[in-house]
């Protein structure tokens, strides 16, 4: 088995959507509350208007691995099925 650094096998994405940039339109939001612990199952999502957003959010694309690091012991990891935004946690 060959062990390689994580940075060699993934591309880290950190695109932030910020209210000060005045984003517009509807987008699907997936938060930590929408991901089941230990399974990778998405339990839901919210459709929000970007112009009503009060804090910054991370943008993800279909196929991205979305990982919630706020409480790592909860093991909230999901492979995105669509483009959207998520919590920065």
PDB file of N, CA and C in Angstrom:
ATOM      1  N   UNK A   1       0.835  -1.170   0.000  1.00  0.00           N
ATOM      2  CA  UNK A   1       0.000   0.000   0.000  1.00  0.00           C
ATOM      3  C   UNK A   1       0.885   1.241   0.000  1.00  0.00           C
ATOM      4  N   UNK A   2       0.531   2.176  -0.862  1.00  0.00           N
ATOM      5  CA  UNK A   2       1.267   3.432  -0.937  1.00  0.00           C
ATOM      6  C   UNK A   2       0.515   4.501  -0.158  1.00  0.00           C
ATOM      7  N   UNK A   3       1.208   5.163   0.735  1.00  0.00           N
ATOM      8  CA  UNK A   3       0.620   6.254   1.507  1.00  0.00           C
ATOM      9  C   UNK A   3       1.053   7.565   0.873  1.00  0.00           C
ATOM     10  N   UNK A   4       0.066   8.418   0.588  1.00  0.00           N
ATOM     11  CA  UNK A   4       0.362   9.711  -0.036  1.00  0.00           C
ATOM     12  C   UNK A   4      -0.266  10.817   0.794  1.00  0.00           C
ATOM     13  N   UNK A   5       0.325  11.986   0.799  1.00  0.00           N
ATOM     14  CA  UNK A   5      -0.266  13.113   1.511  1.00  0.00           C
ATOM     15  C   UNK A   5      -1.646  13.443   0.935  1.00  0.00           C
ATOM     16  N   UNK A   6      -2.554  13.837   1.798  1.00  0.00           N
ATOM     17  CA  UNK A   6      -3.909  14.144   1.381  1.00  0.00           C
ATOM     18  C   UNK A   6      -3.946  15.182   0.267  1.00  0.00           C
ATOM     19  N   UNK A   7      -3.091  16.179   0.334  1.00  0.00           N
ATOM     20  CA  UNK A   7      -3.040  17.227  -0.681  1.00  0.00           C
ATOM     21  C   UNK A   7      -2.691  16.726  -2.073  1.00  0.00           C
ATOM     22  N   UNK A   8      -2.140  15.517  -2.177  1.00  0.00           N
ATOM     23  CA  UNK A   8      -1.828  14.941  -3.487  1.00  0.00           C
ATOM     24  C   UNK A   8      -3.024  14.235  -4.121  1.00  0.00           C
ATOM     25  N   UNK A   9      -4.041  13.927  -3.331  1.00  0.00           N
ATOM     26  CA  UNK A   9      -5.169  13.165  -3.862  1.00  0.00           C
ATOM     27  C   UNK A   9      -6.484  13.948  -3.877  1.00  0.00           C
ATOM     28  N   UNK A  10      -6.504  15.141  -3.270  1.00  0.00           N
ATOM     29  CA  UNK A  10      -7.696  15.983  -3.321  1.00  0.00           C
ATOM     30  C   UNK A  10      -7.303  17.418  -3.659  1.00  0.00           C
ATOM     31  N   UNK A  11      -8.262  18.159  -4.154  1.00  0.00           N
ATOM     32  CA  UNK A  11      -8.102  19.598  -4.352  1.00  0.00           C
ATOM     33  C   UNK A  11      -8.943  20.282  -3.288  1.00  0.00           C
ATOM     34  N   UNK A  12      -8.323  21.002  -2.379  1.00  0.00           N
ATOM     35  CA  UNK A  12      -9.027  21.703  -1.319  1.00  0.00           C
ATOM     36  C   UNK A  12      -9.694  22.940  -1.894  1.00  0.00           C
ATOM     37  N   UNK A  13     -10.980  23.098  -1.630  1.00  0.00           N
ATOM     38  CA  UNK A  13     -11.731  24.256  -2.114  1.00  0.00           C
ATOM     39  C   UNK A  13     -12.171  25.063  -0.900  1.00  0.00           C
ATOM     40  N   UNK A  14     -12.017  26.368  -0.992  1.00  0.00           N
ATOM     41  CA  UNK A  14     -12.420  27.249   0.101  1.00  0.00           C
ATOM     42  C   UNK A  14     -13.030  28.521  -0.475  1.00  0.00           C
ATOM     43  N   UNK A  15     -14.071  28.358  -1.278  1.00  0.00           N
ATOM     44  CA  UNK A  15     -14.740  29.509  -1.882  1.00  0.00           C
ATOM     45  C   UNK A  15     -15.826  29.998  -0.927  1.00  0.00           C
ATOM     46  N   UNK A  16     -15.713  31.235  -0.493  1.00  0.00           N
ATOM     47  CA  UNK A  16     -16.634  31.808   0.479  1.00  0.00           C
ATOM     48  C   UNK A  16     -17.585  32.787  -0.206  1.00  0.00           C
ATOM     49  N   UNK A  17     -18.865  32.674   0.130  1.00  0.00           N
ATOM     50  CA  UNK A  17     -19.882  33.620  -0.327  1.00  0.00           C
ATOM     51  C   UNK A  17     -20.159  34.532   0.862  1.00  0.00           C
ATOM     52  N   UNK A  18     -19.979  35.831   0.670  1.00  0.00           N
ATOM     53  CA  UNK A  18     -20.103  36.789   1.776  1.00  0.00           C
ATOM     54  C   UNK A  18     -21.204  37.799   1.460  1.00  0.00           C
ATOM     55  N   UNK A  19     -22.044  38.146   2.456  1.00  0.00           N
ATOM     56  CA  UNK A  19     -23.120  39.111   2.210  1.00  0.00           C
ATOM     57  C   UNK A  19     -22.629  40.462   1.675  1.00  0.00           C
ATOM     58  N   UNK A  20     -21.435  40.888   2.062  1.00  0.00           N
ATOM     59  CA  UNK A  20     -20.929  42.188   1.597  1.00  0.00           C
ATOM     60  C   UNK A  20     -20.702  42.208   0.082  1.00  0.00           C
ATOM     61  N   UNK A  21     -20.598  41.023  -0.527  1.00  0.00           N
ATOM     62  CA  UNK A  21     -20.433  40.936  -1.983  1.00  0.00           C
ATOM     63  C   UNK A  21     -21.769  41.039  -2.721  1.00  0.00           C
ATOM     64  N   UNK A  22     -22.848  41.148  -1.967  1.00  0.00           N
ATOM     65  CA  UNK A  22     -24.211  41.297  -2.488  1.00  0.00           C
ATOM     66  C   UNK A  22     -24.623  40.193  -3.467  1.00  0.00           C
ATOM     67  N   UNK A  23     -24.493  38.930  -3.039  1.00  0.00           N
ATOM     68  CA  UNK A  23     -24.931  37.833  -3.918  1.00  0.00           C
ATOM     69  C   UNK A  23     -26.450  37.885  -4.095  1.00  0.00           C
ATOM     70  N   UNK A  24     -26.931  37.353  -5.198  1.00  0.00           N
ATOM     71  CA  UNK A  24     -28.356  37.398  -5.529  1.00  0.00           C
ATOM     72  C   UNK A  24     -28.864  36.022  -5.936  1.00  0.00           C
ATOM     73  N   UNK A  25     -30.133  35.768  -5.659  1.00  0.00           N
ATOM     74  CA  UNK A  25     -30.819  34.590  -6.176  1.00  0.00           C
ATOM     75  C   UNK A  25     -30.955  33.459  -5.181  1.00  0.00           C
ATOM     76  N   UNK A  26     -31.709  32.446  -5.592  1.00  0.00           N
ATOM     77  CA  UNK A  26     -31.923  31.283  -4.725  1.00  0.00           C
ATOM     78  C   UNK A  26     -30.740  30.318  -4.779  1.00  0.00           C
ATOM     79  N   UNK A  27     -30.522  29.638  -3.661  1.00  0.00           N
ATOM     80  CA  UNK A  27     -29.465  28.628  -3.582  1.00  0.00           C
ATOM     81  C   UNK A  27     -29.865  27.605  -2.519  1.00  0.00           C
ATOM     82  N   UNK A  28     -29.399  26.388  -2.677  1.00  0.00           N
ATOM     83  CA  UNK A  28     -29.668  25.338  -1.701  1.00  0.00           C
ATOM     84  C   UNK A  28     -28.597  25.378  -0.617  1.00  0.00           C
ATOM     85  N   UNK A  29     -29.049  25.428   0.637  1.00  0.00           N
ATOM     86  CA  UNK A  29     -28.159  25.456   1.802  1.00  0.00           C
ATOM     87  C   UNK A  29     -28.216  24.115   2.511  1.00  0.00           C
ATOM     88  N   UNK A  30     -27.056  23.536   2.776  1.00  0.00           N
ATOM     89  CA  UNK A  30     -26.946  22.308   3.556  1.00  0.00           C
ATOM     90  C   UNK A  30     -26.114  22.631   4.791  1.00  0.00           C
ATOM     91  N   UNK A  31     -26.717  22.498   5.972  1.00  0.00           N
ATOM     92  CA  UNK A  31     -26.027  22.764   7.228  1.00  0.00           C
ATOM     93  C   UNK A  31     -25.717  21.476   7.969  1.00  0.00           C
ATOM     94  N   UNK A  32     -25.027  21.609   9.078  1.00  0.00           N
ATOM     95  CA  UNK A  32     -24.690  20.428   9.882  1.00  0.00           C
ATOM     96  C   UNK A  32     -25.936  19.672  10.316  1.00  0.00           C
ATOM     97  N   UNK A  33     -27.026  20.403  10.529  1.00  0.00           N
ATOM     98  CA  UNK A  33     -28.282  19.764  10.943  1.00  0.00           C
ATOM     99  C   UNK A  33     -28.886  18.894   9.847  1.00  0.00           C
ATOM    100  N   UNK A  34     -28.408  19.053   8.624  1.00  0.00           N
ATOM    101  CA  UNK A  34     -28.938  18.294   7.496  1.00  0.00           C
ATOM    102  C   UNK A  34     -28.143  17.023   7.190  1.00  0.00           C
ATOM    103  N   UNK A  35     -27.065  16.769   7.923  1.00  0.00           N
ATOM    104  CA  UNK A  35     -26.218  15.596   7.668  1.00  0.00           C
ATOM    105  C   UNK A  35     -26.276  14.659   8.874  1.00  0.00           C
ATOM    106  N   UNK A  36     -26.557  13.410   8.614  1.00  0.00           N
ATOM    107  CA  UNK A  36     -26.608  12.404   9.674  1.00  0.00           C
ATOM    108  C   UNK A  36     -25.190  11.991  10.067  1.00  0.00           C
ATOM    109  N   UNK A  37     -24.944  11.872  11.352  1.00  0.00           N
ATOM    110  CA  UNK A  37     -23.632  11.447  11.843  1.00  0.00           C
ATOM    111  C   UNK A  37     -23.292  10.034  11.371  1.00  0.00           C
ATOM    112  N   UNK A  38     -22.041   9.840  11.017  1.00  0.00           N
ATOM    113  CA  UNK A  38     -21.464   8.521  10.714  1.00  0.00           C
ATOM    114  C   UNK A  38     -21.999   7.816   9.472  1.00  0.00           C
ATOM    115  N   UNK A  39     -22.923   8.426   8.721  1.00  0.00           N
ATOM    116  CA  UNK A  39     -23.499   7.704   7.582  1.00  0.00           C
ATOM    117  C   UNK A  39     -23.292   8.400   6.244  1.00  0.00           C
ATOM    118  N   UNK A  40     -23.116   9.721   6.243  1.00  0.00           N
ATOM    119  CA  UNK A  40     -23.030  10.458   4.992  1.00  0.00           C
ATOM    120  C   UNK A  40     -24.377  10.700   4.349  1.00  0.00           C
ATOM    121  N   UNK A  41     -25.447  10.437   5.083  1.00  0.00           N
ATOM    122  CA  UNK A  41     -26.797  10.619   4.556  1.00  0.00           C
ATOM    123  C   UNK A  41     -27.246  12.061   4.786  1.00  0.00           C
ATOM    124  N   UNK A  42     -27.726  12.701   3.711  1.00  0.00           N
ATOM    125  CA  UNK A  42     -28.288  14.047   3.838  1.00  0.00           C
ATOM    126  C   UNK A  42     -29.749  13.906   4.230  1.00  0.00           C
ATOM    127  N   UNK A  43     -30.135  14.584   5.308  1.00  0.00           N
ATOM    128  CA  UNK A  43     -31.493  14.491   5.836  1.00  0.00           C
ATOM    129  C   UNK A  43     -32.404  15.601   5.339  1.00  0.00           C
ATOM    130  N   UNK A  44     -31.861  16.566   4.668  1.00  0.00           N
ATOM    131  CA  UNK A  44     -32.664  17.679   4.183  1.00  0.00           C
ATOM    132  C   UNK A  44     -31.775  18.779   3.653  1.00  0.00           C
ATOM    133  N   UNK A  45     -32.385  19.918   3.370  1.00  0.00           N
ATOM    134  CA  UNK A  45     -31.686  21.109   2.894  1.00  0.00           C
ATOM    135  C   UNK A  45     -32.700  22.242   2.936  1.00  0.00           C
ATOM    136  N   UNK A  46     -32.227  23.464   2.831  1.00  0.00           N
ATOM    137  CA  UNK A  46     -33.104  24.634   2.793  1.00  0.00           C
ATOM    138  C   UNK A  46     -32.820  25.424   1.523  1.00  0.00           C
ATOM    139  N   UNK A  47     -33.867  25.939   0.908  1.00  0.00           N
ATOM    140  CA  UNK A  47     -33.704  26.860  -0.206  1.00  0.00           C
ATOM    141  C   UNK A  47     -33.714  28.263   0.384  1.00  0.00           C
ATOM    142  N   UNK A  48     -32.638  29.008   0.176  1.00  0.00           N
ATOM    143  CA  UNK A  48     -32.548  30.361   0.726  1.00  0.00           C
ATOM    144  C   UNK A  48     -32.270  31.351  -0.401  1.00  0.00           C
ATOM    145  N   UNK A  49     -32.521  32.600  -0.126  1.00  0.00           N
ATOM    146  CA  UNK A  49     -32.202  33.689  -1.050  1.00  0.00           C
ATOM    147  C   UNK A  49     -30.862  34.271  -0.612  1.00  0.00           C
ATOM    148  N   UNK A  50     -29.906  34.305  -1.501  1.00  0.00           N
ATOM    149  CA  UNK A  50     -28.570  34.792  -1.154  1.00  0.00           C
ATOM    150  C   UNK A  50     -28.598  36.211  -0.602  1.00  0.00           C
ATOM    151  N   UNK A  51     -29.486  37.062  -1.117  1.00  0.00           N
ATOM    152  CA  UNK A  51     -29.527  38.440  -0.649  1.00  0.00           C
ATOM    153  C   UNK A  51     -30.033  38.564   0.792  1.00  0.00           C
ATOM    154  N   UNK A  52     -30.634  37.504   1.345  1.00  0.00           N
ATOM    155  CA  UNK A  52     -31.106  37.500   2.733  1.00  0.00           C
ATOM    156  C   UNK A  52     -30.097  36.858   3.689  1.00  0.00           C
ATOM    157  N   UNK A  53     -29.005  36.387   3.173  1.00  0.00           N
ATOM    158  CA  UNK A  53     -27.978  35.714   3.968  1.00  0.00           C
ATOM    159  C   UNK A  53     -27.367  36.699   4.969  1.00  0.00           C
ATOM    160  N   UNK A  54     -27.194  36.279   6.219  1.00  0.00           N
ATOM    161  CA  UNK A  54     -26.654  37.170   7.254  1.00  0.00           C
ATOM    162  C   UNK A  54     -25.193  36.907   7.587  1.00  0.00           C
ATOM    163  N   UNK A  55     -24.664  35.788   7.194  1.00  0.00           N
ATOM    164  CA  UNK A  55     -23.266  35.471   7.471  1.00  0.00           C
ATOM    165  C   UNK A  55     -22.619  34.813   6.269  1.00  0.00           C
ATOM    166  N   UNK A  56     -21.332  34.643   6.350  1.00  0.00           N
ATOM    167  CA  UNK A  56     -20.627  34.030   5.214  1.00  0.00           C
ATOM    168  C   UNK A  56     -20.918  32.537   5.148  1.00  0.00           C
ATOM    169  N   UNK A  57     -20.834  31.996   3.950  1.00  0.00           N
ATOM    170  CA  UNK A  57     -21.100  30.579   3.701  1.00  0.00           C
ATOM    171  C   UNK A  57     -20.055  30.063   2.718  1.00  0.00           C
ATOM    172  N   UNK A  58     -19.823  28.767   2.772  1.00  0.00           N
ATOM    173  CA  UNK A  58     -18.893  28.122   1.838  1.00  0.00           C
ATOM    174  C   UNK A  58     -19.689  27.573   0.653  1.00  0.00           C
ATOM    175  N   UNK A  59     -19.156  27.751  -0.549  1.00  0.00           N
ATOM    176  CA  UNK A  59     -19.791  27.218  -1.752  1.00  0.00           C
ATOM    177  C   UNK A  59     -19.224  25.814  -2.015  1.00  0.00           C
ATOM    178  N   UNK A  60     -20.094  24.891  -2.415  1.00  0.00           N
ATOM    179  CA  UNK A  60     -19.643  23.553  -2.810  1.00  0.00           C
ATOM    180  C   UNK A  60     -20.236  23.215  -4.164  1.00  0.00           C
ATOM    181  N   UNK A  61     -19.638  22.248  -4.827  1.00  0.00           N
ATOM    182  CA  UNK A  61     -20.097  21.779  -6.138  1.00  0.00           C
ATOM    183  C   UNK A  61     -20.403  20.292  -6.073  1.00  0.00           C
ATOM    184  N   UNK A  62     -21.224  19.846  -6.984  1.00  0.00           N
ATOM    185  CA  UNK A  62     -21.568  18.425  -7.060  1.00  0.00           C
ATOM    186  C   UNK A  62     -20.291  17.592  -7.081  1.00  0.00           C
ATOM    187  N   UNK A  63     -20.238  16.567  -6.244  1.00  0.00           N
ATOM    188  CA  UNK A  63     -19.077  15.691  -6.161  1.00  0.00           C
ATOM    189  C   UNK A  63     -18.083  16.072  -5.087  1.00  0.00           C
ATOM    190  N   UNK A  64     -18.208  17.289  -4.529  1.00  0.00           N
ATOM    191  CA  UNK A  64     -17.304  17.712  -3.452  1.00  0.00           C
ATOM    192  C   UNK A  64     -17.590  16.921  -2.178  1.00  0.00           C
ATOM    193  N   UNK A  65     -16.573  16.729  -1.376  1.00  0.00           N
ATOM    194  CA  UNK A  65     -16.732  16.149  -0.049  1.00  0.00           C
ATOM    195  C   UNK A  65     -16.936  17.310   0.911  1.00  0.00           C
ATOM    196  N   UNK A  66     -18.093  17.339   1.557  1.00  0.00           N
ATOM    197  CA  UNK A  66     -18.434  18.392   2.512  1.00  0.00           C
ATOM    198  C   UNK A  66     -18.260  17.803   3.907  1.00  0.00           C
ATOM    199  N   UNK A  67     -17.396  18.445   4.693  1.00  0.00           N
ATOM    200  CA  UNK A  67     -17.029  17.919   6.014  1.00  0.00           C
ATOM    201  C   UNK A  67     -17.321  18.965   7.082  1.00  0.00           C
ATOM    202  N   UNK A  68     -18.094  18.589   8.099  1.00  0.00           N
ATOM    203  CA  UNK A  68     -18.374  19.480   9.214  1.00  0.00           C
ATOM    204  C   UNK A  68     -17.329  19.307  10.299  1.00  0.00           C
ATOM    205  N   UNK A  69     -16.497  20.314  10.490  1.00  0.00           N
ATOM    206  CA  UNK A  69     -15.397  20.186  11.453  1.00  0.00           C
ATOM    207  C   UNK A  69     -15.698  20.811  12.815  1.00  0.00           C
ATOM    208  N   UNK A  70     -16.893  21.404  13.009  1.00  0.00           N
ATOM    209  CA  UNK A  70     -17.212  22.058  14.272  1.00  0.00           C
ATOM    210  C   UNK A  70     -17.114  21.077  15.440  1.00  0.00           C
ATOM    211  N   UNK A  71     -17.721  19.924  15.321  1.00  0.00           N
ATOM    212  CA  UNK A  71     -17.628  18.859  16.320  1.00  0.00           C
ATOM    213  C   UNK A  71     -17.217  17.584  15.584  1.00  0.00           C
ATOM    214  N   UNK A  72     -15.913  17.387  15.380  1.00  0.00           N
ATOM    215  CA  UNK A  72     -15.457  16.270  14.535  1.00  0.00           C
ATOM    216  C   UNK A  72     -15.912  14.894  15.012  1.00  0.00           C
ATOM    217  N   UNK A  73     -16.180  14.748  16.303  1.00  0.00           N
ATOM    218  CA  UNK A  73     -16.628  13.448  16.822  1.00  0.00           C
ATOM    219  C   UNK A  73     -17.995  13.054  16.249  1.00  0.00           C
ATOM    220  N   UNK A  74     -18.748  14.029  15.702  1.00  0.00           N
ATOM    221  CA  UNK A  74     -20.040  13.712  15.085  1.00  0.00           C
ATOM    222  C   UNK A  74     -19.882  13.093  13.695  1.00  0.00           C
ATOM    223  N   UNK A  75     -18.700  13.239  13.098  1.00  0.00           N
ATOM    224  CA  UNK A  75     -18.384  12.614  11.813  1.00  0.00           C
ATOM    225  C   UNK A  75     -19.449  12.915  10.756  1.00  0.00           C
ATOM    226  N   UNK A  76     -19.670  14.205  10.527  1.00  0.00           N
ATOM    227  CA  UNK A  76     -20.652  14.628   9.530  1.00  0.00           C
ATOM    228  C   UNK A  76     -19.928  14.915   8.218  1.00  0.00           C
ATOM    229  N   UNK A  77     -20.030  13.960   7.315  1.00  0.00           N
ATOM    230  CA  UNK A  77     -19.371  14.030   6.011  1.00  0.00           C
ATOM    231  C   UNK A  77     -20.409  13.649   4.960  1.00  0.00           C
ATOM    232  N   UNK A  78     -20.416  14.403   3.857  1.00  0.00           N
ATOM    233  CA  UNK A  78     -21.397  14.160   2.796  1.00  0.00           C
ATOM    234  C   UNK A  78     -20.749  14.420   1.443  1.00  0.00           C
ATOM    235  N   UNK A  79     -21.060  13.610   0.463  1.00  0.00           N
ATOM    236  CA  UNK A  79     -20.613  13.854  -0.906  1.00  0.00           C
ATOM    237  C   UNK A  79     -21.752  14.576  -1.615  1.00  0.00           C
ATOM    238  N   UNK A  80     -21.490  15.816  -2.023  1.00  0.00           N
ATOM    239  CA  UNK A  80     -22.529  16.681  -2.577  1.00  0.00           C
ATOM    240  C   UNK A  80     -23.147  16.096  -3.842  1.00  0.00           C
ATOM    241  N   UNK A  81     -24.473  16.114  -3.877  1.00  0.00           N
ATOM    242  CA  UNK A  81     -25.245  15.619  -5.016  1.00  0.00           C
ATOM    243  C   UNK A  81     -25.635  16.752  -5.957  1.00  0.00           C
ATOM    244  N   UNK A  82     -25.320  17.981  -5.572  1.00  0.00           N
ATOM    245  CA  UNK A  82     -25.689  19.175  -6.333  1.00  0.00           C
ATOM    246  C   UNK A  82     -24.813  20.317  -5.878  1.00  0.00           C
ATOM    247  N   UNK A  83     -24.859  21.441  -6.587  1.00  0.00           N
ATOM    248  CA  UNK A  83     -24.137  22.655  -6.198  1.00  0.00           C
ATOM    249  C   UNK A  83     -24.953  23.384  -5.139  1.00  0.00           C
ATOM    250  N   UNK A  84     -24.273  24.084  -4.220  1.00  0.00           N
ATOM    251  CA  UNK A  84     -24.977  24.848  -3.209  1.00  0.00           C
ATOM    252  C   UNK A  84     -24.019  25.551  -2.275  1.00  0.00           C
ATOM    253  N   UNK A  85     -24.516  25.897  -1.091  1.00  0.00           N
ATOM    254  CA  UNK A  85     -23.697  26.499  -0.060  1.00  0.00           C
ATOM    255  C   UNK A  85     -23.919  25.765   1.251  1.00  0.00           C
ATOM    256  N   UNK A  86     -22.959  25.909   2.153  1.00  0.00           N
ATOM    257  CA  UNK A  86     -23.048  25.259   3.447  1.00  0.00           C
ATOM    258  C   UNK A  86     -22.439  26.169   4.508  1.00  0.00           C
ATOM    259  N   UNK A  87     -22.596  25.775   5.728  1.00  0.00           N
ATOM    260  CA  UNK A  87     -22.010  26.487   6.841  1.00  0.00           C
ATOM    261  C   UNK A  87     -20.495  26.463   6.716  1.00  0.00           C
ATOM    262  N   UNK A  88     -19.815  27.473   7.236  1.00  0.00           N
ATOM    263  CA  UNK A  88     -18.357  27.469   7.202  1.00  0.00           C
ATOM    264  C   UNK A  88     -17.781  26.573   8.301  1.00  0.00           C
ATOM    265  N   UNK A  89     -18.634  26.003   9.134  1.00  0.00           N
ATOM    266  CA  UNK A  89     -18.198  25.085  10.184  1.00  0.00           C
ATOM    267  C   UNK A  89     -18.064  23.689   9.625  1.00  0.00           C
TER     268      UNK A  89
END
